[in-house]
Amino acid sequence: MDSKKFEANLHLVIPQLVHIIVERYGYSEIDATRALYESKLYETLEQEDTKLWQLSPLTLFNMFDEEKKTGKITYPEG
């Protein structure tokens, strides 16, 4: 996938994921965005070859939540 399409897809997923974090954790949008950007999940998500950007925002939230609670991420089989 060319980098512009990848970035466009990533930019569609991130706001939805931040919204779920705000709802579930009660964070402000700024704090939710910061928590996401500082996560290992985001580090992996921004790598196109991992294909995580293809997952639903809810699935990504569940991975984020697991990382916050356990320090680990379980990646879906693919």
PDB file of N, CA and C in Angstrom:
ATOM      1  N   MET A   1       0.862  -1.175   0.000  1.00  0.00           N
ATOM      2  CA  MET A   1       0.000   0.000   0.000  1.00  0.00           C
ATOM      3  C   MET A   1       0.898   1.225   0.000  1.00  0.00           C
ATOM      4  N   ASP A   2       0.523   2.210  -0.764  1.00  0.00           N
ATOM      5  CA  ASP A   2       1.368   3.404  -0.762  1.00  0.00           C
ATOM      6  C   ASP A   2       1.184   4.160   0.546  1.00  0.00           C
ATOM      7  N   SER A   3       2.201   4.919   0.906  1.00  0.00           N
ATOM      8  CA  SER A   3       2.226   5.543   2.237  1.00  0.00           C
ATOM      9  C   SER A   3       1.084   6.535   2.450  1.00  0.00           C
ATOM     10  N   LYS A   4       0.613   7.190   1.394  1.00  0.00           N
ATOM     11  CA  LYS A   4      -0.496   8.138   1.562  1.00  0.00           C
ATOM     12  C   LYS A   4      -1.785   7.417   1.937  1.00  0.00           C
ATOM     13  N   LYS A   5      -2.043   6.272   1.319  1.00  0.00           N
ATOM     14  CA  LYS A   5      -3.245   5.495   1.649  1.00  0.00           C
ATOM     15  C   LYS A   5      -3.140   4.944   3.069  1.00  0.00           C
ATOM     16  N   PHE A   6      -1.961   4.463   3.427  1.00  0.00           N
ATOM     17  CA  PHE A   6      -1.746   3.943   4.778  1.00  0.00           C
ATOM     18  C   PHE A   6      -2.001   5.039   5.799  1.00  0.00           C
ATOM     19  N   GLU A   7      -1.417   6.200   5.600  1.00  0.00           N
ATOM     20  CA  GLU A   7      -1.599   7.318   6.528  1.00  0.00           C
ATOM     21  C   GLU A   7      -3.065   7.734   6.603  1.00  0.00           C
ATOM     22  N   ALA A   8      -3.752   7.741   5.469  1.00  0.00           N
ATOM     23  CA  ALA A   8      -5.175   8.102   5.463  1.00  0.00           C
ATOM     24  C   ALA A   8      -5.980   7.100   6.287  1.00  0.00           C
ATOM     25  N   ASN A   9      -5.704   5.825   6.117  1.00  0.00           N
ATOM     26  CA  ASN A   9      -6.408   4.799   6.896  1.00  0.00           C
ATOM     27  C   ASN A   9      -6.102   4.940   8.384  1.00  0.00           C
ATOM     28  N   LEU A  10      -4.849   5.171   8.713  1.00  0.00           N
ATOM     29  CA  LEU A  10      -4.455   5.332  10.109  1.00  0.00           C
ATOM     30  C   LEU A  10      -5.144   6.544  10.717  1.00  0.00           C
ATOM     31  N   HIS A  11      -5.259   7.614   9.946  1.00  0.00           N
ATOM     32  CA  HIS A  11      -5.892   8.838  10.443  1.00  0.00           C
ATOM     33  C   HIS A  11      -7.407   8.684  10.617  1.00  0.00           C
ATOM     34  N   LEU A  12      -7.991   7.674   9.992  1.00  0.00           N
ATOM     35  CA  LEU A  12      -9.412   7.377  10.215  1.00  0.00           C
ATOM     36  C   LEU A  12      -9.613   6.555  11.487  1.00  0.00           C
ATOM     37  N   VAL A  13      -8.679   5.667  11.763  1.00  0.00           N
ATOM     38  CA  VAL A  13      -8.798   4.759  12.908  1.00  0.00           C
ATOM     39  C   VAL A  13      -8.483   5.467  14.224  1.00  0.00           C
ATOM     40  N   ILE A  14      -7.472   6.318  14.236  1.00  0.00           N
ATOM     41  CA  ILE A  14      -6.996   6.941  15.482  1.00  0.00           C
ATOM     42  C   ILE A  14      -8.097   7.736  16.202  1.00  0.00           C
ATOM     43  N   PRO A  15      -8.835   8.624  15.533  1.00  0.00           N
ATOM     44  CA  PRO A  15      -9.872   9.369  16.265  1.00  0.00           C
ATOM     45  C   PRO A  15     -10.947   8.458  16.873  1.00  0.00           C
ATOM     46  N   GLN A  16     -11.297   7.396  16.166  1.00  0.00           N
ATOM     47  CA  GLN A  16     -12.290   6.462  16.690  1.00  0.00           C
ATOM     48  C   GLN A  16     -11.747   5.745  17.924  1.00  0.00           C
ATOM     49  N   LEU A  17     -10.490   5.363  17.874  1.00  0.00           N
ATOM     50  CA  LEU A  17      -9.861   4.696  19.001  1.00  0.00           C
ATOM     51  C   LEU A  17      -9.743   5.639  20.194  1.00  0.00           C
ATOM     52  N   VAL A  18      -9.354   6.864  19.952  1.00  0.00           N
ATOM     53  CA  VAL A  18      -9.268   7.867  21.027  1.00  0.00           C
ATOM     54  C   VAL A  18     -10.646   8.060  21.657  1.00  0.00           C
ATOM     55  N   HIS A  19     -11.678   8.110  20.845  1.00  0.00           N
ATOM     56  CA  HIS A  19     -13.048   8.281  21.354  1.00  0.00           C
ATOM     57  C   HIS A  19     -13.425   7.144  22.310  1.00  0.00           C
ATOM     58  N   ILE A  20     -13.090   5.922  21.950  1.00  0.00           N
ATOM     59  CA  ILE A  20     -13.398   4.781  22.818  1.00  0.00           C
ATOM     60  C   ILE A  20     -12.606   4.891  24.127  1.00  0.00           C
ATOM     61  N   ILE A  21     -11.352   5.296  24.052  1.00  0.00           N
ATOM     62  CA  ILE A  21     -10.540   5.464  25.262  1.00  0.00           C
ATOM     63  C   ILE A  21     -11.161   6.523  26.169  1.00  0.00           C
ATOM     64  N   VAL A  22     -11.617   7.616  25.583  1.00  0.00           N
ATOM     65  CA  VAL A  22     -12.280   8.674  26.360  1.00  0.00           C
ATOM     66  C   VAL A  22     -13.511   8.106  27.064  1.00  0.00           C
ATOM     67  N   GLU A  23     -14.323   7.367  26.329  1.00  0.00           N
ATOM     68  CA  GLU A  23     -15.551   6.806  26.901  1.00  0.00           C
ATOM     69  C   GLU A  23     -15.270   5.790  28.010  1.00  0.00           C
ATOM     70  N   ARG A  24     -14.325   4.902  27.774  1.00  0.00           N
ATOM     71  CA  ARG A  24     -14.092   3.795  28.700  1.00  0.00           C
ATOM     72  C   ARG A  24     -13.240   4.177  29.910  1.00  0.00           C
ATOM     73  N   TYR A  25     -12.303   5.104  29.709  1.00  0.00           N
ATOM     74  CA  TYR A  25     -11.394   5.466  30.800  1.00  0.00           C
ATOM     75  C   TYR A  25     -11.759   6.796  31.461  1.00  0.00           C
ATOM     76  N   GLY A  26     -12.631   7.562  30.818  1.00  0.00           N
ATOM     77  CA  GLY A  26     -12.999   8.854  31.376  1.00  0.00           C
ATOM     78  C   GLY A  26     -11.904   9.903  31.228  1.00  0.00           C
ATOM     79  N   TYR A  27     -10.960   9.644  30.332  1.00  0.00           N
ATOM     80  CA  TYR A  27      -9.883  10.596  30.070  1.00  0.00           C
ATOM     81  C   TYR A  27     -10.417  11.764  29.240  1.00  0.00           C
ATOM     82  N   SER A  28      -9.722  12.893  29.310  1.00  0.00           N
ATOM     83  CA  SER A  28      -9.986  13.963  28.349  1.00  0.00           C
ATOM     84  C   SER A  28      -9.460  13.486  26.995  1.00  0.00           C
ATOM     85  N   GLU A  29      -9.869  14.149  25.947  1.00  0.00           N
ATOM     86  CA  GLU A  29      -9.390  13.768  24.612  1.00  0.00           C
ATOM     87  C   GLU A  29      -7.871  13.905  24.523  1.00  0.00           C
ATOM     88  N   ILE A  30      -7.331  14.938  25.131  1.00  0.00           N
ATOM     89  CA  ILE A  30      -5.879  15.145  25.113  1.00  0.00           C
ATOM     90  C   ILE A  30      -5.161  14.022  25.857  1.00  0.00           C
ATOM     91  N   ASP A  31      -5.666  13.672  27.043  1.00  0.00           N
ATOM     92  CA  ASP A  31      -5.036  12.599  27.820  1.00  0.00           C
ATOM     93  C   ASP A  31      -5.172  11.248  27.120  1.00  0.00           C
ATOM     94  N   ALA A  32      -6.306  11.009  26.487  1.00  0.00           N
ATOM     95  CA  ALA A  32      -6.507   9.759  25.753  1.00  0.00           C
ATOM     96  C   ALA A  32      -5.550   9.676  24.570  1.00  0.00           C
ATOM     97  N   THR A  33      -5.393  10.772  23.862  1.00  0.00           N
ATOM     98  CA  THR A  33      -4.483  10.805  22.718  1.00  0.00           C
ATOM     99  C   THR A  33      -3.051  10.579  23.186  1.00  0.00           C
ATOM    100  N   ARG A  34      -2.671  11.242  24.267  1.00  0.00           N
ATOM    101  CA  ARG A  34      -1.318  11.078  24.808  1.00  0.00           C
ATOM    102  C   ARG A  34      -1.080   9.632  25.232  1.00  0.00           C
ATOM    103  N   ALA A  35      -2.040   9.035  25.935  1.00  0.00           N
ATOM    104  CA  ALA A  35      -1.898   7.648  26.388  1.00  0.00           C
ATOM    105  C   ALA A  35      -1.740   6.705  25.196  1.00  0.00           C
ATOM    106  N   LEU A  36      -2.509   6.941  24.151  1.00  0.00           N
ATOM    107  CA  LEU A  36      -2.400   6.110  22.957  1.00  0.00           C
ATOM    108  C   LEU A  36      -1.041   6.285  22.298  1.00  0.00           C
ATOM    109  N   TYR A  37      -0.621   7.526  22.074  1.00  0.00           N
ATOM    110  CA  TYR A  37       0.651   7.780  21.391  1.00  0.00           C
ATOM    111  C   TYR A  37       1.856   7.273  22.175  1.00  0.00           C
ATOM    112  N   GLU A  38       1.731   7.158  23.491  1.00  0.00           N
ATOM    113  CA  GLU A  38       2.836   6.670  24.316  1.00  0.00           C
ATOM    114  C   GLU A  38       2.816   5.153  24.493  1.00  0.00           C
ATOM    115  N   SER A  39       1.822   4.496  23.908  1.00  0.00           N
ATOM    116  CA  SER A  39       1.680   3.051  24.085  1.00  0.00           C
ATOM    117  C   SER A  39       2.514   2.264  23.083  1.00  0.00           C
ATOM    118  N   LYS A  40       2.819   1.034  23.478  1.00  0.00           N
ATOM    119  CA  LYS A  40       3.496   0.096  22.586  1.00  0.00           C
ATOM    120  C   LYS A  40       2.560  -0.232  21.416  1.00  0.00           C
ATOM    121  N   LEU A  41       1.255  -0.282  21.700  1.00  0.00           N
ATOM    122  CA  LEU A  41       0.288  -0.554  20.639  1.00  0.00           C
ATOM    123  C   LEU A  41       0.427   0.463  19.513  1.00  0.00           C
ATOM    124  N   TYR A  42       0.495   1.740  19.854  1.00  0.00           N
ATOM    125  CA  TYR A  42       0.602   2.760  18.812  1.00  0.00           C
ATOM    126  C   TYR A  42       1.903   2.605  18.038  1.00  0.00           C
ATOM    127  N   GLU A  43       2.973   2.296  18.748  1.00  0.00           N
ATOM    128  CA  GLU A  43       4.268   2.097  18.083  1.00  0.00           C
ATOM    129  C   GLU A  43       4.150   1.003  17.017  1.00  0.00           C
ATOM    130  N   THR A  44       3.409  -0.048  17.341  1.00  0.00           N
ATOM    131  CA  THR A  44       3.208  -1.145  16.398  1.00  0.00           C
ATOM    132  C   THR A  44       2.187  -0.771  15.326  1.00  0.00           C
ATOM    133  N   LEU A  45       1.148  -0.059  15.717  1.00  0.00           N
ATOM    134  CA  LEU A  45       0.087   0.350  14.803  1.00  0.00           C
ATOM    135  C   LEU A  45       0.606   1.223  13.666  1.00  0.00           C
ATOM    136  N   GLU A  46       1.579   2.073  13.957  1.00  0.00           N
ATOM    137  CA  GLU A  46       2.056   2.977  12.919  1.00  0.00           C
ATOM    138  C   GLU A  46       3.039   2.315  11.953  1.00  0.00           C
ATOM    139  N   GLN A  47       3.297   1.048  12.125  1.00  0.00           N
ATOM    140  CA  GLN A  47       4.116   0.286  11.183  1.00  0.00           C
ATOM    141  C   GLN A  47       3.187  -0.423  10.210  1.00  0.00           C
ATOM    142  N   GLU A  48       3.208  -0.007   8.976  1.00  0.00           N
ATOM    143  CA  GLU A  48       2.263  -0.535   7.990  1.00  0.00           C
ATOM    144  C   GLU A  48       2.294  -2.054   7.882  1.00  0.00           C
ATOM    145  N   ASP A  49       3.475  -2.653   7.947  1.00  0.00           N
ATOM    146  CA  ASP A  49       3.600  -4.089   7.719  1.00  0.00           C
ATOM    147  C   ASP A  49       2.955  -4.944   8.803  1.00  0.00           C
ATOM    148  N   THR A  50       2.627  -4.368   9.968  1.00  0.00           N
ATOM    149  CA  THR A  50       1.956  -5.143  11.023  1.00  0.00           C
ATOM    150  C   THR A  50       0.493  -5.384  10.689  1.00  0.00           C
ATOM    151  N   LYS A  51      -0.063  -4.561   9.835  1.00  0.00           N
ATOM    152  CA  LYS A  51      -1.470  -4.648   9.405  1.00  0.00           C
ATOM    153  C   LYS A  51      -2.462  -4.404  10.537  1.00  0.00           C
ATOM    154  N   LEU A  52      -2.003  -3.900  11.689  1.00  0.00           N
ATOM    155  CA  LEU A  52      -2.927  -3.621  12.790  1.00  0.00           C
ATOM    156  C   LEU A  52      -3.936  -2.544  12.421  1.00  0.00           C
ATOM    157  N   TRP A  53      -3.558  -1.650  11.521  1.00  0.00           N
ATOM    158  CA  TRP A  53      -4.448  -0.567  11.111  1.00  0.00           C
ATOM    159  C   TRP A  53      -5.714  -1.097  10.448  1.00  0.00           C
ATOM    160  N   GLN A  54      -5.713  -2.374  10.065  1.00  0.00           N
ATOM    161  CA  GLN A  54      -6.895  -2.972   9.440  1.00  0.00           C
ATOM    162  C   GLN A  54      -7.919  -3.444  10.472  1.00  0.00           C
ATOM    163  N   LEU A  55      -7.521  -3.517  11.736  1.00  0.00           N
ATOM    164  CA  LEU A  55      -8.421  -3.987  12.782  1.00  0.00           C
ATOM    165  C   LEU A  55      -9.428  -2.911  13.154  1.00  0.00           C
ATOM    166  N   SER A  56     -10.532  -3.334  13.734  1.00  0.00           N
ATOM    167  CA  SER A  56     -11.555  -2.374  14.145  1.00  0.00           C
ATOM    168  C   SER A  56     -11.047  -1.554  15.330  1.00  0.00           C
ATOM    169  N   PRO A  57     -11.577  -0.339  15.486  1.00  0.00           N
ATOM    170  CA  PRO A  57     -11.201   0.471  16.640  1.00  0.00           C
ATOM    171  C   PRO A  57     -11.478  -0.240  17.971  1.00  0.00           C
ATOM    172  N   LEU A  58     -12.556  -1.023  18.046  1.00  0.00           N
ATOM    173  CA  LEU A  58     -12.869  -1.741  19.284  1.00  0.00           C
ATOM    174  C   LEU A  58     -11.824  -2.822  19.575  1.00  0.00           C
ATOM    175  N   THR A  59     -11.410  -3.535  18.556  1.00  0.00           N
ATOM    176  CA  THR A  59     -10.354  -4.543  18.737  1.00  0.00           C
ATOM    177  C   THR A  59      -9.063  -3.867  19.187  1.00  0.00           C
ATOM    178  N   LEU A  60      -8.741  -2.745  18.571  1.00  0.00           N
ATOM    179  CA  LEU A  60      -7.541  -2.002  18.965  1.00  0.00           C
ATOM    180  C   LEU A  60      -7.664  -1.491  20.397  1.00  0.00           C
ATOM    181  N   PHE A  61      -8.866  -1.050  20.776  1.00  0.00           N
ATOM    182  CA  PHE A  61      -9.060  -0.609  22.157  1.00  0.00           C
ATOM    183  C   PHE A  61      -8.812  -1.766  23.119  1.00  0.00           C
ATOM    184  N   ASN A  62      -9.332  -2.942  22.798  1.00  0.00           N
ATOM    185  CA  ASN A  62      -9.139  -4.090  23.674  1.00  0.00           C
ATOM    186  C   ASN A  62      -7.650  -4.409  23.839  1.00  0.00           C
ATOM    187  N   MET A  63      -6.889  -4.246  22.778  1.00  0.00           N
ATOM    188  CA  MET A  63      -5.442  -4.444  22.844  1.00  0.00           C
ATOM    189  C   MET A  63      -4.796  -3.358  23.711  1.00  0.00           C
ATOM    190  N   PHE A  64      -5.245  -2.113  23.538  1.00  0.00           N
ATOM    191  CA  PHE A  64      -4.756  -0.994  24.340  1.00  0.00           C
ATOM    192  C   PHE A  64      -5.058  -1.236  25.815  1.00  0.00           C
ATOM    193  N   ASP A  65      -6.287  -1.654  26.094  1.00  0.00           N
ATOM    194  CA  ASP A  65      -6.724  -1.919  27.459  1.00  0.00           C
ATOM    195  C   ASP A  65      -5.872  -3.021  28.095  1.00  0.00           C
ATOM    196  N   GLU A  66      -5.629  -4.065  27.352  1.00  0.00           N
ATOM    197  CA  GLU A  66      -4.789  -5.153  27.854  1.00  0.00           C
ATOM    198  C   GLU A  66      -3.381  -4.636  28.173  1.00  0.00           C
ATOM    199  N   GLU A  67      -2.841  -3.823  27.286  1.00  0.00           N
ATOM    200  CA  GLU A  67      -1.506  -3.263  27.524  1.00  0.00           C
ATOM    201  C   GLU A  67      -1.505  -2.412  28.795  1.00  0.00           C
ATOM    202  N   LYS A  68      -2.517  -1.572  28.974  1.00  0.00           N
ATOM    203  CA  LYS A  68      -2.599  -0.717  30.164  1.00  0.00           C
ATOM    204  C   LYS A  68      -2.687  -1.553  31.442  1.00  0.00           C
ATOM    205  N   LYS A  69      -3.443  -2.631  31.389  1.00  0.00           N
ATOM    206  CA  LYS A  69      -3.686  -3.431  32.590  1.00  0.00           C
ATOM    207  C   LYS A  69      -2.580  -4.433  32.902  1.00  0.00           C
ATOM    208  N   THR A  70      -1.940  -4.970  31.856  1.00  0.00           N
ATOM    209  CA  THR A  70      -0.974  -6.055  32.071  1.00  0.00           C
ATOM    210  C   THR A  70       0.437  -5.735  31.592  1.00  0.00           C
ATOM    211  N   GLY A  71       0.557  -4.691  30.764  1.00  0.00           N
ATOM    212  CA  GLY A  71       1.862  -4.391  30.190  1.00  0.00           C
ATOM    213  C   GLY A  71       2.176  -5.241  28.968  1.00  0.00           C
ATOM    214  N   LYS A  72       1.216  -6.091  28.570  1.00  0.00           N
ATOM    215  CA  LYS A  72       1.415  -6.978  27.420  1.00  0.00           C
ATOM    216  C   LYS A  72       0.298  -6.758  26.408  1.00  0.00           C
ATOM    217  N   ILE A  73       0.561  -7.172  25.182  1.00  0.00           N
ATOM    218  CA  ILE A  73      -0.453  -7.100  24.126  1.00  0.00           C
ATOM    219  C   ILE A  73      -0.550  -8.476  23.475  1.00  0.00           C
ATOM    220  N   THR A  74      -1.772  -8.947  23.333  1.00  0.00           N
ATOM    221  CA  THR A  74      -2.009 -10.174  22.578  1.00  0.00           C
ATOM    222  C   THR A  74      -2.432  -9.763  21.176  1.00  0.00           C
ATOM    223  N   TYR A  75      -1.613 -10.115  20.201  1.00  0.00           N
ATOM    224  CA  TYR A  75      -1.908  -9.754  18.817  1.00  0.00           C
ATOM    225  C   TYR A  75      -2.787 -10.832  18.185  1.00  0.00           C
ATOM    226  N   PRO A  76      -3.784 -10.419  17.396  1.00  0.00           N
ATOM    227  CA  PRO A  76      -4.655 -11.404  16.736  1.00  0.00           C
ATOM    228  C   PRO A  76      -3.841 -12.258  15.767  1.00  0.00           C
ATOM    229  N   GLU A  77      -4.307 -13.475  15.611  1.00  0.00           N
ATOM    230  CA  GLU A  77      -3.674 -14.358  14.634  1.00  0.00           C
ATOM    231  C   GLU A  77      -3.922 -13.789  13.243  1.00  0.00           C
ATOM    232  N   GLY A  78      -2.935 -13.868  12.413  1.00  0.00           N
ATOM    233  CA  GLY A  78      -3.164 -13.290  11.102  1.00  0.00           C
ATOM    234  C   GLY A  78      -2.352 -13.937  10.116  1.00  0.00           C
TER     235      GLY A  78
END
